[in-house]
Amino acid sequence: MAMSGRLFLFSLMVVLCSAKLPMFSWDTLPVFFHSGNESGLYSEESIKTIAKFPMVTIEKFQSDLVSGVDDEDDMMRVMKMVKDANPNVATYFYMNSYKDRPEMTRMARELDQHPDWYLRDSNGTKVKNAGQGFYVFDVSNPDVRQWWKETCLNALKATNGDGCFCDSSQHT
């Protein structure tokens, strides 16, 4: 049975998530931390506060604060700091499900090395997503799916993380 891009990415997100999820009940509103910090590097005090949340996703946007650092590396650095502050917090690595965001510098370099990984229209022109104008990678390509999965799994190994946050999966 063929799997659509949407179904695959949803399934991938579930596969990458460990059993370590915060307790959930409809009786209370769950509060999680999901942020990218453009205002400066996280302080030790900020990390301690972030580590009090039951689930944490560190997003892109920090790397331009440190010259020569990829966003992916900085996200992993912060994930490790949060996990060191509270080993029981569930940490998630941010990955976009289908679009090439320039902030994800390592991802952008990898995609540039594989022009066949971009979704193209019938004229062979790279497709941009509606509204934001970012190029879209072709999730129907098995090599793209393998690369996406390996990127997430490698980040989890490097950080002792608990899963990958699959952003924008509703658009694929």
C-alpha atoms as a PDB file:
ATOM      1  CA  MET A   1       0.000   0.000   0.000  1.00  0.00           C
ATOM      2  CA  ALA A   2       1.402   3.401  -0.954  1.00  0.00           C
ATOM      3  CA  MET A   3       1.764   5.876   1.856  1.00  0.00           C
ATOM      4  CA  SER A   4       1.003   9.562   1.339  1.00  0.00           C
ATOM      5  CA  GLY A   5       3.542  12.159   2.474  1.00  0.00           C
ATOM      6  CA  ARG A   6       1.199  13.335   5.218  1.00  0.00           C
ATOM      7  CA  LEU A   7       0.557   9.871   6.571  1.00  0.00           C
ATOM      8  CA  PHE A   8       4.231   8.991   6.454  1.00  0.00           C
ATOM      9  CA  LEU A   9       5.356  12.096   8.299  1.00  0.00           C
ATOM     10  CA  PHE A  10       2.672  11.674  10.934  1.00  0.00           C
ATOM     11  CA  SER A  11       3.748   8.052  11.342  1.00  0.00           C
ATOM     12  CA  LEU A  12       7.387   9.102  11.457  1.00  0.00           C
ATOM     13  CA  MET A  13       6.659  11.588  14.218  1.00  0.00           C
ATOM     14  CA  VAL A  14       4.955   8.896  16.265  1.00  0.00           C
ATOM     15  CA  VAL A  15       7.781   6.424  15.663  1.00  0.00           C
ATOM     16  CA  LEU A  16      10.416   8.912  16.782  1.00  0.00           C
ATOM     17  CA  CYS A  17       8.596   9.803  19.984  1.00  0.00           C
ATOM     18  CA  SER A  18       9.614   7.644  22.897  1.00  0.00           C
ATOM     19  CA  ALA A  19       7.236   6.399  25.541  1.00  0.00           C
ATOM     20  CA  LYS A  20       8.477   9.273  27.681  1.00  0.00           C
ATOM     21  CA  LEU A  21       5.606  11.712  27.328  1.00  0.00           C
ATOM     22  CA  PRO A  22       4.278  13.978  30.060  1.00  0.00           C
ATOM     23  CA  MET A  23       1.198  12.723  31.866  1.00  0.00           C
ATOM     24  CA  PHE A  24      -1.985  13.995  30.252  1.00  0.00           C
ATOM     25  CA  SER A  25      -5.483  14.442  31.594  1.00  0.00           C
ATOM     26  CA  TRP A  26      -8.475  16.316  30.231  1.00  0.00           C
ATOM     27  CA  ASP A  27      -8.914  17.695  33.768  1.00  0.00           C
ATOM     28  CA  THR A  28      -5.989  20.109  33.435  1.00  0.00           C
ATOM     29  CA  LEU A  29      -4.476  22.215  30.690  1.00  0.00           C
ATOM     30  CA  PRO A  30      -1.010  20.899  29.816  1.00  0.00           C
ATOM     31  CA  VAL A  31       1.699  23.539  29.586  1.00  0.00           C
ATOM     32  CA  PHE A  32       4.780  22.833  27.484  1.00  0.00           C
ATOM     33  CA  PHE A  33       7.790  24.894  26.451  1.00  0.00           C
ATOM     34  CA  HIS A  34       8.331  25.454  22.723  1.00  0.00           C
ATOM     35  CA  SER A  35      10.588  28.345  21.801  1.00  0.00           C
ATOM     36  CA  GLY A  36      13.335  29.747  19.662  1.00  0.00           C
ATOM     37  CA  ASN A  37      15.259  32.534  21.373  1.00  0.00           C
ATOM     38  CA  GLU A  38      16.198  35.439  19.109  1.00  0.00           C
ATOM     39  CA  SER A  39      16.929  37.866  21.942  1.00  0.00           C
ATOM     40  CA  GLY A  40      20.105  36.261  23.245  1.00  0.00           C
ATOM     41  CA  LEU A  41      21.610  33.024  24.439  1.00  0.00           C
ATOM     42  CA  TYR A  42      19.748  31.225  27.203  1.00  0.00           C
ATOM     43  CA  SER A  43      21.153  32.017  30.636  1.00  0.00           C
ATOM     44  CA  GLU A  44      21.745  29.344  33.268  1.00  0.00           C
ATOM     45  CA  GLU A  45      18.709  30.699  35.122  1.00  0.00           C
ATOM     46  CA  SER A  46      16.591  30.442  31.956  1.00  0.00           C
ATOM     47  CA  ILE A  47      17.669  26.832  31.422  1.00  0.00           C
ATOM     48  CA  LYS A  48      16.647  25.963  34.990  1.00  0.00           C
ATOM     49  CA  THR A  49      13.226  27.538  34.395  1.00  0.00           C
ATOM     50  CA  ILE A  50      12.771  25.788  31.039  1.00  0.00           C
ATOM     51  CA  ALA A  51      13.728  22.457  32.632  1.00  0.00           C
ATOM     52  CA  LYS A  52      10.727  22.726  34.987  1.00  0.00           C
ATOM     53  CA  PHE A  53       8.318  22.132  32.089  1.00  0.00           C
ATOM     54  CA  PRO A  54       7.292  18.514  31.485  1.00  0.00           C
ATOM     55  CA  MET A  55       8.044  18.732  27.744  1.00  0.00           C
ATOM     56  CA  VAL A  56      10.448  21.038  25.891  1.00  0.00           C
ATOM     57  CA  THR A  57      11.042  21.741  22.199  1.00  0.00           C
ATOM     58  CA  ILE A  58      13.878  24.105  21.336  1.00  0.00           C
ATOM     59  CA  GLU A  59      13.240  25.692  17.946  1.00  0.00           C
ATOM     60  CA  LYS A  60      15.441  27.341  15.350  1.00  0.00           C
ATOM     61  CA  PHE A  61      16.564  31.003  15.373  1.00  0.00           C
ATOM     62  CA  GLN A  62      19.387  30.955  17.941  1.00  0.00           C
ATOM     63  CA  SER A  63      22.430  30.230  15.800  1.00  0.00           C
ATOM     64  CA  ASP A  64      22.896  33.705  14.372  1.00  0.00           C
ATOM     65  CA  LEU A  65      23.775  34.742  17.921  1.00  0.00           C
ATOM     66  CA  VAL A  66      27.021  32.745  17.687  1.00  0.00           C
ATOM     67  CA  SER A  67      29.089  33.102  14.529  1.00  0.00           C
ATOM     68  CA  GLY A  68      29.664  29.885  12.599  1.00  0.00           C
ATOM     69  CA  VAL A  69      27.166  27.767  14.550  1.00  0.00           C
ATOM     70  CA  ASP A  70      24.385  25.875  12.794  1.00  0.00           C
ATOM     71  CA  ASP A  71      20.910  26.207  14.295  1.00  0.00           C
ATOM     72  CA  GLU A  72      20.722  22.440  14.562  1.00  0.00           C
ATOM     73  CA  ASP A  73      23.881  22.381  16.719  1.00  0.00           C
ATOM     74  CA  ASP A  74      22.640  25.180  18.926  1.00  0.00           C
ATOM     75  CA  MET A  75      19.254  23.508  19.371  1.00  0.00           C
ATOM     76  CA  MET A  76      21.057  20.327  20.441  1.00  0.00           C
ATOM     77  CA  ARG A  77      23.315  22.279  22.801  1.00  0.00           C
ATOM     78  CA  VAL A  78      20.285  23.805  24.534  1.00  0.00           C
ATOM     79  CA  MET A  79      18.472  20.442  24.612  1.00  0.00           C
ATOM     80  CA  LYS A  80      21.494  18.928  26.402  1.00  0.00           C
ATOM     81  CA  MET A  81      21.573  21.805  28.894  1.00  0.00           C
ATOM     82  CA  VAL A  82      17.870  21.336  29.664  1.00  0.00           C
ATOM     83  CA  LYS A  83      18.309  17.560  30.024  1.00  0.00           C
ATOM     84  CA  ASP A  84      21.330  18.095  32.305  1.00  0.00           C
ATOM     85  CA  ALA A  85      19.259  20.436  34.486  1.00  0.00           C
ATOM     86  CA  ASN A  86      16.382  17.932  34.676  1.00  0.00           C
ATOM     87  CA  PRO A  87      16.953  14.404  33.336  1.00  0.00           C
ATOM     88  CA  ASN A  88      13.201  13.704  33.648  1.00  0.00           C
ATOM     89  CA  VAL A  89      12.055  16.404  31.214  1.00  0.00           C
ATOM     90  CA  ALA A  90      10.964  15.163  27.780  1.00  0.00           C
ATOM     91  CA  THR A  91      13.013  17.018  25.154  1.00  0.00           C
ATOM     92  CA  TYR A  92      12.176  17.205  21.439  1.00  0.00           C
ATOM     93  CA  PHE A  93      14.349  18.177  18.480  1.00  0.00           C
ATOM     94  CA  TYR A  94      12.676  20.586  16.054  1.00  0.00           C
ATOM     95  CA  MET A  95      12.454  19.578  12.383  1.00  0.00           C
ATOM     96  CA  ASN A  96      10.324  21.067   9.665  1.00  0.00           C
ATOM     97  CA  SER A  97       8.348  18.425   7.838  1.00  0.00           C
ATOM     98  CA  TYR A  98       8.513  19.798   4.322  1.00  0.00           C
ATOM     99  CA  LYS A  99      10.036  23.250   3.829  1.00  0.00           C
ATOM    100  CA  ASP A 100      13.605  24.458   3.546  1.00  0.00           C
ATOM    101  CA  ARG A 101      13.926  27.163   6.208  1.00  0.00           C
ATOM    102  CA  PRO A 102      17.135  29.210   5.864  1.00  0.00           C
ATOM    103  CA  GLU A 103      17.527  29.240   9.654  1.00  0.00           C
ATOM    104  CA  MET A 104      18.144  25.486   9.548  1.00  0.00           C
ATOM    105  CA  THR A 105      21.597  26.021   8.091  1.00  0.00           C
ATOM    106  CA  ARG A 106      22.848  22.429   8.053  1.00  0.00           C
ATOM    107  CA  MET A 107      19.563  21.262   6.518  1.00  0.00           C
ATOM    108  CA  ALA A 108      19.807  23.959   3.836  1.00  0.00           C
ATOM    109  CA  ARG A 109      23.377  22.915   2.944  1.00  0.00           C
ATOM    110  CA  GLU A 110      22.344  19.258   2.712  1.00  0.00           C
ATOM    111  CA  LEU A 111      19.374  20.080   0.498  1.00  0.00           C
ATOM    112  CA  ASP A 112      21.582  22.245  -1.737  1.00  0.00           C
ATOM    113  CA  GLN A 113      23.807  19.191  -2.310  1.00  0.00           C
ATOM    114  CA  HIS A 114      20.761  17.211  -3.480  1.00  0.00           C
ATOM    115  CA  PRO A 115      18.765  19.323  -5.952  1.00  0.00           C
ATOM    116  CA  ASP A 116      16.660  16.250  -6.763  1.00  0.00           C
ATOM    117  CA  TRP A 117      15.301  16.339  -3.192  1.00  0.00           C
ATOM    118  CA  TYR A 118      13.205  19.444  -3.922  1.00  0.00           C
ATOM    119  CA  LEU A 119       9.617  19.185  -5.077  1.00  0.00           C
ATOM    120  CA  ARG A 120       9.334  20.456  -8.655  1.00  0.00           C
ATOM    121  CA  ASP A 121       6.414  21.483 -10.822  1.00  0.00           C
ATOM    122  CA  SER A 122       5.716  20.070 -14.288  1.00  0.00           C
ATOM    123  CA  ASN A 123       8.228  22.561 -15.761  1.00  0.00           C
ATOM    124  CA  GLY A 124      11.005  21.379 -13.427  1.00  0.00           C
ATOM    125  CA  THR A 125      10.906  24.556 -11.307  1.00  0.00           C
ATOM    126  CA  LYS A 126      11.363  24.197  -7.545  1.00  0.00           C
ATOM    127  CA  VAL A 127       8.041  24.613  -5.734  1.00  0.00           C
ATOM    128  CA  LYS A 128       7.578  27.180  -2.941  1.00  0.00           C
ATOM    129  CA  ASN A 129       4.982  26.843  -0.226  1.00  0.00           C
ATOM    130  CA  ALA A 130       2.048  29.245  -0.291  1.00  0.00           C
ATOM    131  CA  GLY A 131       2.310  32.314   1.886  1.00  0.00           C
ATOM    132  CA  GLN A 132       5.870  32.049   3.182  1.00  0.00           C
ATOM    133  CA  GLY A 133       7.712  31.370  -0.064  1.00  0.00           C
ATOM    134  CA  PHE A 134      10.063  28.661   1.217  1.00  0.00           C
ATOM    135  CA  TYR A 135      11.179  25.902  -1.115  1.00  0.00           C
ATOM    136  CA  VAL A 136       9.559  22.553  -0.418  1.00  0.00           C
ATOM    137  CA  PHE A 137      11.416  19.270  -0.221  1.00  0.00           C
ATOM    138  CA  ASP A 138       9.875  16.235  -1.859  1.00  0.00           C
ATOM    139  CA  VAL A 139       8.664  13.947   0.929  1.00  0.00           C
ATOM    140  CA  SER A 140       7.590  11.380  -1.672  1.00  0.00           C
ATOM    141  CA  ASN A 141      11.302  10.741  -2.339  1.00  0.00           C
ATOM    142  CA  PRO A 142      12.523   7.830  -0.143  1.00  0.00           C
ATOM    143  CA  ASP A 143      15.989   9.438   0.106  1.00  0.00           C
ATOM    144  CA  VAL A 144      14.431  12.593   1.579  1.00  0.00           C
ATOM    145  CA  ARG A 145      12.480  10.567   4.132  1.00  0.00           C
ATOM    146  CA  GLN A 146      15.581   8.590   5.082  1.00  0.00           C
ATOM    147  CA  TRP A 147      17.637  11.790   5.455  1.00  0.00           C
ATOM    148  CA  TRP A 148      14.885  13.395   7.571  1.00  0.00           C
ATOM    149  CA  LYS A 149      14.650  10.337   9.824  1.00  0.00           C
ATOM    150  CA  GLU A 150      18.440  10.037  10.215  1.00  0.00           C
ATOM    151  CA  THR A 151      18.747  13.747  11.033  1.00  0.00           C
ATOM    152  CA  CYS A 152      16.184  13.375  13.802  1.00  0.00           C
ATOM    153  CA  LEU A 153      17.605  10.136  15.182  1.00  0.00           C
ATOM    154  CA  ASN A 154      21.161  11.523  15.186  1.00  0.00           C
ATOM    155  CA  ALA A 155      19.982  14.583  17.120  1.00  0.00           C
ATOM    156  CA  LEU A 156      18.276  12.347  19.666  1.00  0.00           C
ATOM    157  CA  LYS A 157      21.407  10.229  20.094  1.00  0.00           C
ATOM    158  CA  ALA A 158      23.555  13.342  20.543  1.00  0.00           C
ATOM    159  CA  THR A 159      21.251  14.871  23.154  1.00  0.00           C
ATOM    160  CA  ASN A 160      19.634  11.882  24.863  1.00  0.00           C
ATOM    161  CA  GLY A 161      16.434  13.457  23.539  1.00  0.00           C
ATOM    162  CA  ASP A 162      13.014  11.880  23.562  1.00  0.00           C
ATOM    163  CA  GLY A 163      11.564  12.675  20.134  1.00  0.00           C
ATOM    164  CA  CYS A 164      11.339  15.013  17.188  1.00  0.00           C
ATOM    165  CA  PHE A 165       8.802  17.778  16.811  1.00  0.00           C
ATOM    166  CA  CYS A 166       7.540  17.515  13.238  1.00  0.00           C
ATOM    167  CA  ASP A 167       6.470  21.071  12.361  1.00  0.00           C
ATOM    168  CA  SER A 168       4.044  21.960   9.583  1.00  0.00           C
ATOM    169  CA  SER A 169       3.073  18.350   8.921  1.00  0.00           C
ATOM    170  CA  GLN A 170      -0.508  19.431   8.251  1.00  0.00           C
ATOM    171  CA  HIS A 171       0.674  21.117   5.023  1.00  0.00           C
ATOM    172  CA  THR A 172       2.309  18.143   3.327  1.00  0.00           C
END
